mmCIF file of all heavy atoms, coordinates in Angstrom:
data_MODEL
# 
_entry.id   MODEL 
# 
loop_
_atom_site.group_PDB 
_atom_site.id 
_atom_site.type_symbol 
_atom_site.label_atom_id 
_atom_site.label_alt_id 
_atom_site.label_comp_id 
_atom_site.label_asym_id 
_atom_site.label_entity_id 
_atom_site.label_seq_id 
_atom_site.pdbx_PDB_ins_code 
_atom_site.Cartn_x 
_atom_site.Cartn_y 
_atom_site.Cartn_z 
_atom_site.occupancy 
_atom_site.B_iso_or_equiv 
_atom_site.pdbx_formal_charge 
_atom_site.auth_seq_id 
_atom_site.auth_comp_id 
_atom_site.auth_asym_id 
_atom_site.auth_atom_id 
_atom_site.pdbx_PDB_model_num 
ATOM 1   N N   . VAL A 1 1  ? -126.863 56.368 -61.817 1.00 0.00 ? 1  VAL A N   1 
ATOM 2   C CA  . VAL A 1 1  ? -126.344 55.065 -62.228 1.00 0.00 ? 1  VAL A CA  1 
ATOM 3   C C   . VAL A 1 1  ? -126.523 54.080 -61.076 1.00 0.00 ? 1  VAL A C   1 
ATOM 4   O O   . VAL A 1 1  ? -126.954 54.454 -59.980 1.00 0.00 ? 1  VAL A O   1 
ATOM 5   C CB  . VAL A 1 1  ? -124.846 55.141 -62.617 1.00 0.00 ? 1  VAL A CB  1 
ATOM 6   C CG1 . VAL A 1 1  ? -124.649 56.074 -63.809 1.00 0.00 ? 1  VAL A CG1 1 
ATOM 7   C CG2 . VAL A 1 1  ? -124.004 55.616 -61.428 1.00 0.00 ? 1  VAL A CG2 1 
ATOM 8   N N   . SER A 1 2  ? -126.179 52.816 -61.336 1.00 0.00 ? 2  SER A N   1 
ATOM 9   C CA  . SER A 1 2  ? -126.236 51.826 -60.272 1.00 0.00 ? 2  SER A CA  1 
ATOM 10  C C   . SER A 1 2  ? -124.980 51.924 -59.405 1.00 0.00 ? 2  SER A C   1 
ATOM 11  O O   . SER A 1 2  ? -124.022 52.644 -59.747 1.00 0.00 ? 2  SER A O   1 
ATOM 12  C CB  . SER A 1 2  ? -126.352 50.417 -60.861 1.00 0.00 ? 2  SER A CB  1 
ATOM 13  O OG  . SER A 1 2  ? -125.170 50.081 -61.570 1.00 0.00 ? 2  SER A OG  1 
ATOM 14  N N   . ARG A 1 3  ? -124.936 51.167 -58.316 1.00 0.00 ? 3  ARG A N   1 
ATOM 15  C CA  . ARG A 1 3  ? -123.796 51.231 -57.402 1.00 0.00 ? 3  ARG A CA  1 
ATOM 16  C C   . ARG A 1 3  ? -122.551 50.574 -57.991 1.00 0.00 ? 3  ARG A C   1 
ATOM 17  O O   . ARG A 1 3  ? -121.424 50.936 -57.628 1.00 0.00 ? 3  ARG A O   1 
ATOM 18  C CB  . ARG A 1 3  ? -124.153 50.573 -56.071 1.00 0.00 ? 3  ARG A CB  1 
ATOM 19  C CG  . ARG A 1 3  ? -125.184 51.349 -55.264 1.00 0.00 ? 3  ARG A CG  1 
ATOM 20  C CD  . ARG A 1 3  ? -125.538 50.641 -53.972 1.00 0.00 ? 3  ARG A CD  1 
ATOM 21  N NE  . ARG A 1 3  ? -124.381 50.467 -53.099 1.00 0.00 ? 3  ARG A NE  1 
ATOM 22  C CZ  . ARG A 1 3  ? -124.432 49.887 -51.911 1.00 0.00 ? 3  ARG A CZ  1 
ATOM 23  N NH1 . ARG A 1 3  ? -125.581 49.413 -51.468 1.00 0.00 ? 3  ARG A NH1 1 
ATOM 24  N NH2 . ARG A 1 3  ? -123.350 49.759 -51.171 1.00 0.00 ? 3  ARG A NH2 1 
ATOM 25  N N   . GLN A 1 4  ? -122.730 49.592 -58.894 1.00 0.00 ? 4  GLN A N   1 
ATOM 26  C CA  . GLN A 1 4  ? -121.583 48.854 -59.411 1.00 0.00 ? 4  GLN A CA  1 
ATOM 27  C C   . GLN A 1 4  ? -120.568 49.742 -60.133 1.00 0.00 ? 4  GLN A C   1 
ATOM 28  O O   . GLN A 1 4  ? -119.371 49.699 -59.809 1.00 0.00 ? 4  GLN A O   1 
ATOM 29  C CB  . GLN A 1 4  ? -122.043 47.723 -60.338 1.00 0.00 ? 4  GLN A CB  1 
ATOM 30  C CG  . GLN A 1 4  ? -120.914 46.840 -60.863 1.00 0.00 ? 4  GLN A CG  1 
ATOM 31  C CD  . GLN A 1 4  ? -120.139 46.137 -59.754 1.00 0.00 ? 4  GLN A CD  1 
ATOM 32  O OE1 . GLN A 1 4  ? -120.702 45.830 -58.699 1.00 0.00 ? 4  GLN A OE1 1 
ATOM 33  N NE2 . GLN A 1 4  ? -118.856 45.909 -59.958 1.00 0.00 ? 4  GLN A NE2 1 
ATOM 34  N N   . PRO A 1 5  ? -120.967 50.578 -61.105 1.00 0.00 ? 5  PRO A N   1 
ATOM 35  C CA  . PRO A 1 5  ? -119.960 51.443 -61.740 1.00 0.00 ? 5  PRO A CA  1 
ATOM 36  C C   . PRO A 1 5  ? -119.356 52.460 -60.777 1.00 0.00 ? 5  PRO A C   1 
ATOM 37  O O   . PRO A 1 5  ? -118.209 52.873 -60.947 1.00 0.00 ? 5  PRO A O   1 
ATOM 38  C CB  . PRO A 1 5  ? -120.735 52.128 -62.871 1.00 0.00 ? 5  PRO A CB  1 
ATOM 39  C CG  . PRO A 1 5  ? -122.165 52.011 -62.497 1.00 0.00 ? 5  PRO A CG  1 
ATOM 40  C CD  . PRO A 1 5  ? -122.286 50.718 -61.742 1.00 0.00 ? 5  PRO A CD  1 
ATOM 41  N N   . VAL A 1 6  ? -120.117 52.866 -59.768 1.00 0.00 ? 6  VAL A N   1 
ATOM 42  C CA  . VAL A 1 6  ? -119.574 53.775 -58.752 1.00 0.00 ? 6  VAL A CA  1 
ATOM 43  C C   . VAL A 1 6  ? -118.471 53.068 -57.973 1.00 0.00 ? 6  VAL A C   1 
ATOM 44  O O   . VAL A 1 6  ? -117.393 53.629 -57.735 1.00 0.00 ? 6  VAL A O   1 
ATOM 45  C CB  . VAL A 1 6  ? -120.682 54.268 -57.798 1.00 0.00 ? 6  VAL A CB  1 
ATOM 46  C CG1 . VAL A 1 6  ? -120.077 55.014 -56.606 1.00 0.00 ? 6  VAL A CG1 1 
ATOM 47  C CG2 . VAL A 1 6  ? -121.665 55.169 -58.534 1.00 0.00 ? 6  VAL A CG2 1 
ATOM 48  N N   . ARG A 1 7  ? -118.743 51.822 -57.575 1.00 0.00 ? 7  ARG A N   1 
ATOM 49  C CA  . ARG A 1 7  ? -117.746 51.048 -56.838 1.00 0.00 ? 7  ARG A CA  1 
ATOM 50  C C   . ARG A 1 7  ? -116.472 50.865 -57.684 1.00 0.00 ? 7  ARG A C   1 
ATOM 51  O O   . ARG A 1 7  ? -115.356 51.016 -57.187 1.00 0.00 ? 7  ARG A O   1 
ATOM 52  C CB  . ARG A 1 7  ? -118.327 49.693 -56.450 1.00 0.00 ? 7  ARG A CB  1 
ATOM 53  C CG  . ARG A 1 7  ? -117.396 48.845 -55.569 1.00 0.00 ? 7  ARG A CG  1 
ATOM 54  C CD  . ARG A 1 7  ? -118.049 47.536 -55.164 1.00 0.00 ? 7  ARG A CD  1 
ATOM 55  N NE  . ARG A 1 7  ? -119.267 47.771 -54.379 1.00 0.00 ? 7  ARG A NE  1 
ATOM 56  C CZ  . ARG A 1 7  ? -120.492 47.476 -54.809 1.00 0.00 ? 7  ARG A CZ  1 
ATOM 57  N NH1 . ARG A 1 7  ? -120.669 46.927 -55.999 1.00 0.00 ? 7  ARG A NH1 1 
ATOM 58  N NH2 . ARG A 1 7  ? -121.531 47.709 -54.048 1.00 0.00 ? 7  ARG A NH2 1 
ATOM 59  N N   . GLU A 1 8  ? -116.650 50.565 -58.969 1.00 0.00 ? 8  GLU A N   1 
ATOM 60  C CA  . GLU A 1 8  ? -115.496 50.381 -59.860 1.00 0.00 ? 8  GLU A CA  1 
ATOM 61  C C   . GLU A 1 8  ? -114.737 51.695 -60.054 1.00 0.00 ? 8  GLU A C   1 
ATOM 62  O O   . GLU A 1 8  ? -113.507 51.712 -60.079 1.00 0.00 ? 8  GLU A O   1 
ATOM 63  C CB  . GLU A 1 8  ? -115.975 49.836 -61.208 1.00 0.00 ? 8  GLU A CB  1 
ATOM 64  C CG  . GLU A 1 8  ? -116.562 48.427 -61.134 1.00 0.00 ? 8  GLU A CG  1 
ATOM 65  C CD  . GLU A 1 8  ? -117.185 47.991 -62.447 1.00 0.00 ? 8  GLU A CD  1 
ATOM 66  O OE1 . GLU A 1 8  ? -117.298 48.831 -63.371 1.00 0.00 ? 8  GLU A OE1 1 
ATOM 67  O OE2 . GLU A 1 8  ? -117.561 46.811 -62.565 1.00 0.00 ? 8  GLU A OE2 1 
ATOM 68  N N   . ALA A 1 9  ? -115.473 52.799 -60.182 1.00 0.00 ? 9  ALA A N   1 
ATOM 69  C CA  . ALA A 1 9  ? -114.832 54.102 -60.354 1.00 0.00 ? 9  ALA A CA  1 
ATOM 70  C C   . ALA A 1 9  ? -114.036 54.497 -59.111 1.00 0.00 ? 9  ALA A C   1 
ATOM 71  O O   . ALA A 1 9  ? -112.944 55.065 -59.209 1.00 0.00 ? 9  ALA A O   1 
ATOM 72  C CB  . ALA A 1 9  ? -115.880 55.169 -60.671 1.00 0.00 ? 9  ALA A CB  1 
ATOM 73  N N   . LEU A 1 10 ? -114.564 54.187 -57.929 1.00 0.00 ? 10 LEU A N   1 
ATOM 74  C CA  . LEU A 1 10 ? -113.853 54.501 -56.685 1.00 0.00 ? 10 LEU A CA  1 
ATOM 75  C C   . LEU A 1 10 ? -112.546 53.712 -56.599 1.00 0.00 ? 10 LEU A C   1 
ATOM 76  O O   . LEU A 1 10 ? -111.535 54.220 -56.099 1.00 0.00 ? 10 LEU A O   1 
ATOM 77  C CB  . LEU A 1 10 ? -114.738 54.202 -55.473 1.00 0.00 ? 10 LEU A CB  1 
ATOM 78  C CG  . LEU A 1 10 ? -115.939 55.137 -55.272 1.00 0.00 ? 10 LEU A CG  1 
ATOM 79  C CD1 . LEU A 1 10 ? -116.788 54.668 -54.100 1.00 0.00 ? 10 LEU A CD1 1 
ATOM 80  C CD2 . LEU A 1 10 ? -115.484 56.577 -55.062 1.00 0.00 ? 10 LEU A CD2 1 
ATOM 81  N N   . GLN A 1 11 ? -112.566 52.481 -57.102 1.00 0.00 ? 11 GLN A N   1 
ATOM 82  C CA  . GLN A 1 11 ? -111.332 51.692 -57.134 1.00 0.00 ? 11 GLN A CA  1 
ATOM 83  C C   . GLN A 1 11 ? -110.308 52.350 -58.054 1.00 0.00 ? 11 GLN A C   1 
ATOM 84  O O   . GLN A 1 11 ? -109.116 52.430 -57.725 1.00 0.00 ? 11 GLN A O   1 
ATOM 85  C CB  . GLN A 1 11 ? -111.633 50.272 -57.607 1.00 0.00 ? 11 GLN A CB  1 
ATOM 86  C CG  . GLN A 1 11 ? -112.434 49.415 -56.631 1.00 0.00 ? 11 GLN A CG  1 
ATOM 87  C CD  . GLN A 1 11 ? -111.623 48.986 -55.423 1.00 0.00 ? 11 GLN A CD  1 
ATOM 88  O OE1 . GLN A 1 11 ? -110.400 49.047 -55.422 1.00 0.00 ? 11 GLN A OE1 1 
ATOM 89  N NE2 . GLN A 1 11 ? -112.314 48.538 -54.376 1.00 0.00 ? 11 GLN A NE2 1 
ATOM 90  N N   . LEU A 1 12 ? -110.749 52.838 -59.212 1.00 0.00 ? 12 LEU A N   1 
ATOM 91  C CA  . LEU A 1 12 ? -109.853 53.518 -60.147 1.00 0.00 ? 12 LEU A CA  1 
ATOM 92  C C   . LEU A 1 12 ? -109.305 54.809 -59.535 1.00 0.00 ? 12 LEU A C   1 
ATOM 93  O O   . LEU A 1 12 ? -108.114 55.116 -59.657 1.00 0.00 ? 12 LEU A O   1 
ATOM 94  C CB  . LEU A 1 12 ? -110.586 53.838 -61.453 1.00 0.00 ? 12 LEU A CB  1 
ATOM 95  C CG  . LEU A 1 12 ? -111.029 52.641 -62.310 1.00 0.00 ? 12 LEU A CG  1 
ATOM 96  C CD1 . LEU A 1 12 ? -111.883 53.123 -63.479 1.00 0.00 ? 12 LEU A CD1 1 
ATOM 97  C CD2 . LEU A 1 12 ? -109.811 51.880 -62.825 1.00 0.00 ? 12 LEU A CD2 1 
ATOM 98  N N   . LEU A 1 13 ? -110.167 55.558 -58.879 1.00 0.00 ? 13 LEU A N   1 
ATOM 99  C CA  . LEU A 1 13 ? -109.750 56.806 -58.236 1.00 0.00 ? 13 LEU A CA  1 
ATOM 100 C C   . LEU A 1 13 ? -108.755 56.536 -57.119 1.00 0.00 ? 13 LEU A C   1 
ATOM 101 O O   . LEU A 1 13 ? -107.818 57.312 -56.900 1.00 0.00 ? 13 LEU A O   1 
ATOM 102 C CB  . LEU A 1 13 ? -110.964 57.555 -57.696 1.00 0.00 ? 13 LEU A CB  1 
ATOM 103 C CG  . LEU A 1 13 ? -111.883 58.177 -58.754 1.00 0.00 ? 13 LEU A CG  1 
ATOM 104 C CD1 . LEU A 1 13 ? -113.230 58.554 -58.148 1.00 0.00 ? 13 LEU A CD1 1 
ATOM 105 C CD2 . LEU A 1 13 ? -111.222 59.404 -59.381 1.00 0.00 ? 13 LEU A CD2 1 
ATOM 106 N N   . SER A 1 14 ? -108.948 55.427 -56.415 1.00 0.00 ? 14 SER A N   1 
ATOM 107 C CA  . SER A 1 14 ? -108.009 55.046 -55.363 1.00 0.00 ? 14 SER A CA  1 
ATOM 108 C C   . SER A 1 14 ? -106.642 54.738 -55.952 1.00 0.00 ? 14 SER A C   1 
ATOM 109 O O   . SER A 1 14 ? -105.607 55.130 -55.402 1.00 0.00 ? 14 SER A O   1 
ATOM 110 C CB  . SER A 1 14 ? -108.547 53.830 -54.600 1.00 0.00 ? 14 SER A CB  1 
ATOM 111 O OG  . SER A 1 14 ? -107.605 53.356 -53.666 1.00 0.00 ? 14 SER A OG  1 
ATOM 112 N N   . GLY A 1 15 ? -106.650 54.042 -57.093 1.00 0.00 ? 15 GLY A N   1 
ATOM 113 C CA  . GLY A 1 15 ? -105.389 53.691 -57.734 1.00 0.00 ? 15 GLY A CA  1 
ATOM 114 C C   . GLY A 1 15 ? -104.587 54.898 -58.193 1.00 0.00 ? 15 GLY A C   1 
ATOM 115 O O   . GLY A 1 15 ? -103.359 54.842 -58.275 1.00 0.00 ? 15 GLY A O   1 
ATOM 116 N N   . GLU A 1 16 ? -105.275 56.008 -58.466 1.00 0.00 ? 16 GLU A N   1 
ATOM 117 C CA  . GLU A 1 16 ? -104.591 57.223 -58.922 1.00 0.00 ? 16 GLU A CA  1 
ATOM 118 C C   . GLU A 1 16 ? -104.398 58.240 -57.795 1.00 0.00 ? 16 GLU A C   1 
ATOM 119 O O   . GLU A 1 16 ? -103.962 59.361 -58.042 1.00 0.00 ? 16 GLU A O   1 
ATOM 120 C CB  . GLU A 1 16 ? -105.363 57.855 -60.079 1.00 0.00 ? 16 GLU A CB  1 
ATOM 121 C CG  . GLU A 1 16 ? -105.377 56.974 -61.319 1.00 0.00 ? 16 GLU A CG  1 
ATOM 122 C CD  . GLU A 1 16 ? -105.807 57.716 -62.562 1.00 0.00 ? 16 GLU A CD  1 
ATOM 123 O OE1 . GLU A 1 16 ? -105.918 58.968 -62.509 1.00 0.00 ? 16 GLU A OE1 1 
ATOM 124 O OE2 . GLU A 1 16 ? -106.024 57.064 -63.597 1.00 0.00 ? 16 GLU A OE2 1 
ATOM 125 N N   . GLY A 1 17 ? -104.752 57.849 -56.569 1.00 0.00 ? 17 GLY A N   1 
ATOM 126 C CA  . GLY A 1 17 ? -104.464 58.709 -55.429 1.00 0.00 ? 17 GLY A CA  1 
ATOM 127 C C   . GLY A 1 17 ? -105.485 59.788 -55.132 1.00 0.00 ? 17 GLY A C   1 
ATOM 128 O O   . GLY A 1 17 ? -105.245 60.663 -54.298 1.00 0.00 ? 17 GLY A O   1 
ATOM 129 N N   . TRP A 1 18 ? -106.665 59.723 -55.772 1.00 0.00 ? 18 TRP A N   1 
ATOM 130 C CA  . TRP A 1 18 ? -107.697 60.731 -55.516 1.00 0.00 ? 18 TRP A CA  1 
ATOM 131 C C   . TRP A 1 18 ? -108.618 60.331 -54.368 1.00 0.00 ? 18 TRP A C   1 
ATOM 132 O O   . TRP A 1 18 ? -109.268 61.185 -53.767 1.00 0.00 ? 18 TRP A O   1 
ATOM 133 C CB  . TRP A 1 18 ? -108.541 60.945 -56.771 1.00 0.00 ? 18 TRP A CB  1 
ATOM 134 C CG  . TRP A 1 18 ? -107.805 61.565 -57.903 1.00 0.00 ? 18 TRP A CG  1 
ATOM 135 C CD1 . TRP A 1 18 ? -107.262 60.917 -58.982 1.00 0.00 ? 18 TRP A CD1 1 
ATOM 136 C CD2 . TRP A 1 18 ? -107.513 62.951 -58.104 1.00 0.00 ? 18 TRP A CD2 1 
ATOM 137 N NE1 . TRP A 1 18 ? -106.664 61.816 -59.820 1.00 0.00 ? 18 TRP A NE1 1 
ATOM 138 C CE2 . TRP A 1 18 ? -106.801 63.076 -59.312 1.00 0.00 ? 18 TRP A CE2 1 
ATOM 139 C CE3 . TRP A 1 18 ? -107.807 64.103 -57.372 1.00 0.00 ? 18 TRP A CE3 1 
ATOM 140 C CZ2 . TRP A 1 18 ? -106.370 64.301 -59.799 1.00 0.00 ? 18 TRP A CZ2 1 
ATOM 141 C CZ3 . TRP A 1 18 ? -107.371 65.323 -57.857 1.00 0.00 ? 18 TRP A CZ3 1 
ATOM 142 C CH2 . TRP A 1 18 ? -106.665 65.420 -59.058 1.00 0.00 ? 18 TRP A CH2 1 
ATOM 143 N N   . VAL A 1 19 ? -108.691 59.038 -54.100 1.00 0.00 ? 19 VAL A N   1 
ATOM 144 C CA  . VAL A 1 19 ? -109.592 58.510 -53.080 1.00 0.00 ? 19 VAL A CA  1 
ATOM 145 C C   . VAL A 1 19 ? -108.827 57.539 -52.195 1.00 0.00 ? 19 VAL A C   1 
ATOM 146 O O   . VAL A 1 19 ? -107.965 56.795 -52.677 1.00 0.00 ? 19 VAL A O   1 
ATOM 147 C CB  . VAL A 1 19 ? -110.802 57.794 -53.744 1.00 0.00 ? 19 VAL A CB  1 
ATOM 148 C CG1 . VAL A 1 19 ? -111.569 56.941 -52.747 1.00 0.00 ? 19 VAL A CG1 1 
ATOM 149 C CG2 . VAL A 1 19 ? -111.729 58.824 -54.388 1.00 0.00 ? 19 VAL A CG2 1 
ATOM 150 N N   . ASP A 1 20 ? -109.118 57.562 -50.899 1.00 0.00 ? 20 ASP A N   1 
ATOM 151 C CA  . ASP A 1 20 ? -108.529 56.613 -49.953 1.00 0.00 ? 20 ASP A CA  1 
ATOM 152 C C   . ASP A 1 20 ? -109.598 55.615 -49.535 1.00 0.00 ? 20 ASP A C   1 
ATOM 153 O O   . ASP A 1 20 ? -110.706 56.015 -49.152 1.00 0.00 ? 20 ASP A O   1 
ATOM 154 C CB  . ASP A 1 20 ? -107.998 57.353 -48.716 1.00 0.00 ? 20 ASP A CB  1 
ATOM 155 C CG  . ASP A 1 20 ? -106.883 58.324 -49.051 1.00 0.00 ? 20 ASP A CG  1 
ATOM 156 O OD1 . ASP A 1 20 ? -106.098 58.022 -49.967 1.00 0.00 ? 20 ASP A OD1 1 
ATOM 157 O OD2 . ASP A 1 20 ? -106.804 59.387 -48.407 1.00 0.00 ? 20 ASP A OD2 1 
ATOM 158 N N   . LEU A 1 21 ? -109.273 54.336 -49.610 1.00 0.00 ? 21 LEU A N   1 
ATOM 159 C CA  . LEU A 1 21 ? -110.186 53.283 -49.198 1.00 0.00 ? 21 LEU A CA  1 
ATOM 160 C C   . LEU A 1 21 ? -109.742 52.736 -47.854 1.00 0.00 ? 21 LEU A C   1 
ATOM 161 O O   . LEU A 1 21 ? -108.593 52.313 -47.700 1.00 0.00 ? 21 LEU A O   1 
ATOM 162 C CB  . LEU A 1 21 ? -110.217 52.162 -50.243 1.00 0.00 ? 21 LEU A CB  1 
ATOM 163 C CG  . LEU A 1 21 ? -110.638 52.564 -51.666 1.00 0.00 ? 21 LEU A CG  1 
ATOM 164 C CD1 . LEU A 1 21 ? -110.587 51.364 -52.599 1.00 0.00 ? 21 LEU A CD1 1 
ATOM 165 C CD2 . LEU A 1 21 ? -112.040 53.173 -51.660 1.00 0.00 ? 21 LEU A CD2 1 
ATOM 166 N N   . HIS A 1 22 ? -110.637 52.738 -46.867 1.00 0.00 ? 22 HIS A N   1 
ATOM 167 C CA  . HIS A 1 22 ? -110.320 52.266 -45.522 1.00 0.00 ? 22 HIS A CA  1 
ATOM 168 C C   . HIS A 1 22 ? -111.250 51.105 -45.163 1.00 0.00 ? 22 HIS A C   1 
ATOM 169 O O   . HIS A 1 22 ? -112.467 51.297 -45.097 1.00 0.00 ? 22 HIS A O   1 
ATOM 170 C CB  . HIS A 1 22 ? -110.478 53.392 -44.498 1.00 0.00 ? 22 HIS A CB  1 
ATOM 171 C CG  . HIS A 1 22 ? -109.568 54.553 -44.744 1.00 0.00 ? 22 HIS A CG  1 
ATOM 172 N ND1 . HIS A 1 22 ? -108.211 54.493 -44.511 1.00 0.00 ? 22 HIS A ND1 1 
ATOM 173 C CD2 . HIS A 1 22 ? -109.825 55.801 -45.222 1.00 0.00 ? 22 HIS A CD2 1 
ATOM 174 C CE1 . HIS A 1 22 ? -107.674 55.668 -44.823 1.00 0.00 ? 22 HIS A CE1 1 
ATOM 175 N NE2 . HIS A 1 22 ? -108.624 56.468 -45.254 1.00 0.00 ? 22 HIS A NE2 1 
ATOM 176 N N   . PRO A 1 23 ? -110.687 49.925 -44.955 1.00 0.00 ? 23 PRO A N   1 
ATOM 177 C CA  . PRO A 1 23 ? -111.515 48.769 -44.591 1.00 0.00 ? 23 PRO A CA  1 
ATOM 178 C C   . PRO A 1 23 ? -112.385 49.076 -43.371 1.00 0.00 ? 23 PRO A C   1 
ATOM 179 O O   . PRO A 1 23 ? -111.903 49.611 -42.378 1.00 0.00 ? 23 PRO A O   1 
ATOM 180 C CB  . PRO A 1 23 ? -110.488 47.674 -44.281 1.00 0.00 ? 23 PRO A CB  1 
ATOM 181 C CG  . PRO A 1 23 ? -109.272 48.079 -45.050 1.00 0.00 ? 23 PRO A CG  1 
ATOM 182 C CD  . PRO A 1 23 ? -109.261 49.586 -45.027 1.00 0.00 ? 23 PRO A CD  1 
ATOM 183 N N   . GLY A 1 24 ? -113.647 48.743 -43.469 1.00 0.00 ? 24 GLY A N   1 
ATOM 184 C CA  . GLY A 1 24 ? -114.554 48.965 -42.360 1.00 0.00 ? 24 GLY A CA  1 
ATOM 185 C C   . GLY A 1 24 ? -115.129 50.357 -42.295 1.00 0.00 ? 24 GLY A C   1 
ATOM 186 O O   . GLY A 1 24 ? -116.050 50.623 -41.525 1.00 0.00 ? 24 GLY A O   1 
ATOM 187 N N   . GLN A 1 25 ? -114.587 51.267 -43.108 1.00 0.00 ? 25 GLN A N   1 
ATOM 188 C CA  . GLN A 1 25 ? -115.066 52.645 -43.096 1.00 0.00 ? 25 GLN A CA  1 
ATOM 189 C C   . GLN A 1 25 ? -115.604 53.078 -44.450 1.00 0.00 ? 25 GLN A C   1 
ATOM 190 O O   . GLN A 1 25 ? -116.544 53.843 -44.531 1.00 0.00 ? 25 GLN A O   1 
ATOM 191 C CB  . GLN A 1 25 ? -113.937 53.599 -42.672 1.00 0.00 ? 25 GLN A CB  1 
ATOM 192 C CG  . GLN A 1 25 ? -113.611 53.566 -41.186 1.00 0.00 ? 25 GLN A CG  1 
ATOM 193 C CD  . GLN A 1 25 ? -114.631 54.333 -40.371 1.00 0.00 ? 25 GLN A CD  1 
ATOM 194 O OE1 . GLN A 1 25 ? -115.785 53.928 -40.268 1.00 0.00 ? 25 GLN A OE1 1 
ATOM 195 N NE2 . GLN A 1 25 ? -114.216 55.443 -39.777 1.00 0.00 ? 25 GLN A NE2 1 
ATOM 196 N N   . GLY A 1 26 ? -114.971 52.624 -45.519 1.00 0.00 ? 26 GLY A N   1 
ATOM 197 C CA  . GLY A 1 26 ? -115.419 53.009 -46.854 1.00 0.00 ? 26 GLY A CA  1 
ATOM 198 C C   . GLY A 1 26 ? -114.420 53.883 -47.571 1.00 0.00 ? 26 GLY A C   1 
ATOM 199 O O   . GLY A 1 26 ? -113.216 53.854 -47.299 1.00 0.00 ? 26 GLY A O   1 
ATOM 200 N N   . ALA A 1 27 ? -114.923 54.694 -48.496 1.00 0.00 ? 27 ALA A N   1 
ATOM 201 C CA  . ALA A 1 27 ? -114.085 55.539 -49.345 1.00 0.00 ? 27 ALA A CA  1 
ATOM 202 C C   . ALA A 1 27 ? -114.168 56.999 -48.895 1.00 0.00 ? 27 ALA A C   1 
ATOM 203 O O   . ALA A 1 27 ? -115.227 57.479 -48.498 1.00 0.00 ? 27 ALA A O   1 
ATOM 204 C CB  . ALA A 1 27 ? -114.524 55.418 -50.797 1.00 0.00 ? 27 ALA A CB  1 
ATOM 205 N N   . PHE A 1 28 ? -113.012 57.678 -48.973 1.00 0.00 ? 28 PHE A N   1 
ATOM 206 C CA  . PHE A 1 28 ? -112.933 59.086 -48.587 1.00 0.00 ? 28 PHE A CA  1 
ATOM 207 C C   . PHE A 1 28 ? -112.106 59.832 -49.631 1.00 0.00 ? 28 PHE A C   1 
ATOM 208 O O   . PHE A 1 28 ? -111.136 59.288 -50.167 1.00 0.00 ? 28 PHE A O   1 
ATOM 209 C CB  . PHE A 1 28 ? -112.266 59.244 -47.211 1.00 0.00 ? 28 PHE A CB  1 
ATOM 210 C CG  . PHE A 1 28 ? -113.038 58.616 -46.086 1.00 0.00 ? 28 PHE A CG  1 
ATOM 211 C CD1 . PHE A 1 28 ? -112.974 57.247 -45.859 1.00 0.00 ? 28 PHE A CD1 1 
ATOM 212 C CD2 . PHE A 1 28 ? -113.834 59.393 -45.257 1.00 0.00 ? 28 PHE A CD2 1 
ATOM 213 C CE1 . PHE A 1 28 ? -113.683 56.656 -44.824 1.00 0.00 ? 28 PHE A CE1 1 
ATOM 214 C CE2 . PHE A 1 28 ? -114.551 58.808 -44.216 1.00 0.00 ? 28 PHE A CE2 1 
ATOM 215 C CZ  . PHE A 1 28 ? -114.480 57.444 -44.006 1.00 0.00 ? 28 PHE A CZ  1 
ATOM 216 N N   . VAL A 1 29 ? -112.489 61.077 -49.907 1.00 0.00 ? 29 VAL A N   1 
ATOM 217 C CA  . VAL A 1 29 ? -111.680 61.910 -50.779 1.00 0.00 ? 29 VAL A CA  1 
ATOM 218 C C   . VAL A 1 29 ? -110.302 62.075 -50.141 1.00 0.00 ? 29 VAL A C   1 
ATOM 219 O O   . VAL A 1 29 ? -110.195 62.352 -48.938 1.00 0.00 ? 29 VAL A O   1 
ATOM 220 C CB  . VAL A 1 29 ? -112.322 63.289 -51.000 1.00 0.00 ? 29 VAL A CB  1 
ATOM 221 C CG1 . VAL A 1 29 ? -111.425 64.167 -51.877 1.00 0.00 ? 29 VAL A CG1 1 
ATOM 222 C CG2 . VAL A 1 29 ? -113.699 63.137 -51.650 1.00 0.00 ? 29 VAL A CG2 1 
ATOM 223 N N   . HIS A 1 30 ? -109.268 61.886 -50.932 1.00 0.00 ? 30 HIS A N   1 
ATOM 224 C CA  . HIS A 1 30 ? -107.905 61.982 -50.403 1.00 0.00 ? 30 HIS A CA  1 
ATOM 225 C C   . HIS A 1 30 ? -107.636 63.381 -49.851 1.00 0.00 ? 30 HIS A C   1 
ATOM 226 O O   . HIS A 1 30 ? -108.017 64.383 -50.458 1.00 0.00 ? 30 HIS A O   1 
ATOM 227 C CB  . HIS A 1 30 ? -106.902 61.673 -51.511 1.00 0.00 ? 30 HIS A CB  1 
ATOM 228 C CG  . HIS A 1 30 ? -105.473 61.792 -51.085 1.00 0.00 ? 30 HIS A CG  1 
ATOM 229 N ND1 . HIS A 1 30 ? -104.911 60.990 -50.110 1.00 0.00 ? 30 HIS A ND1 1 
ATOM 230 C CD2 . HIS A 1 30 ? -104.486 62.642 -51.496 1.00 0.00 ? 30 HIS A CD2 1 
ATOM 231 C CE1 . HIS A 1 30 ? -103.646 61.332 -49.948 1.00 0.00 ? 30 HIS A CE1 1 
ATOM 232 N NE2 . HIS A 1 30 ? -103.365 62.329 -50.769 1.00 0.00 ? 30 HIS A NE2 1 
# 
């Protein structure tokens, strides 16, 4: 897929506590 749905999915995963988003670093599995 393209990066856009991945970016949106990571935001959803962050909201449910599966992924941590760190400014300047990116996304990490919780």
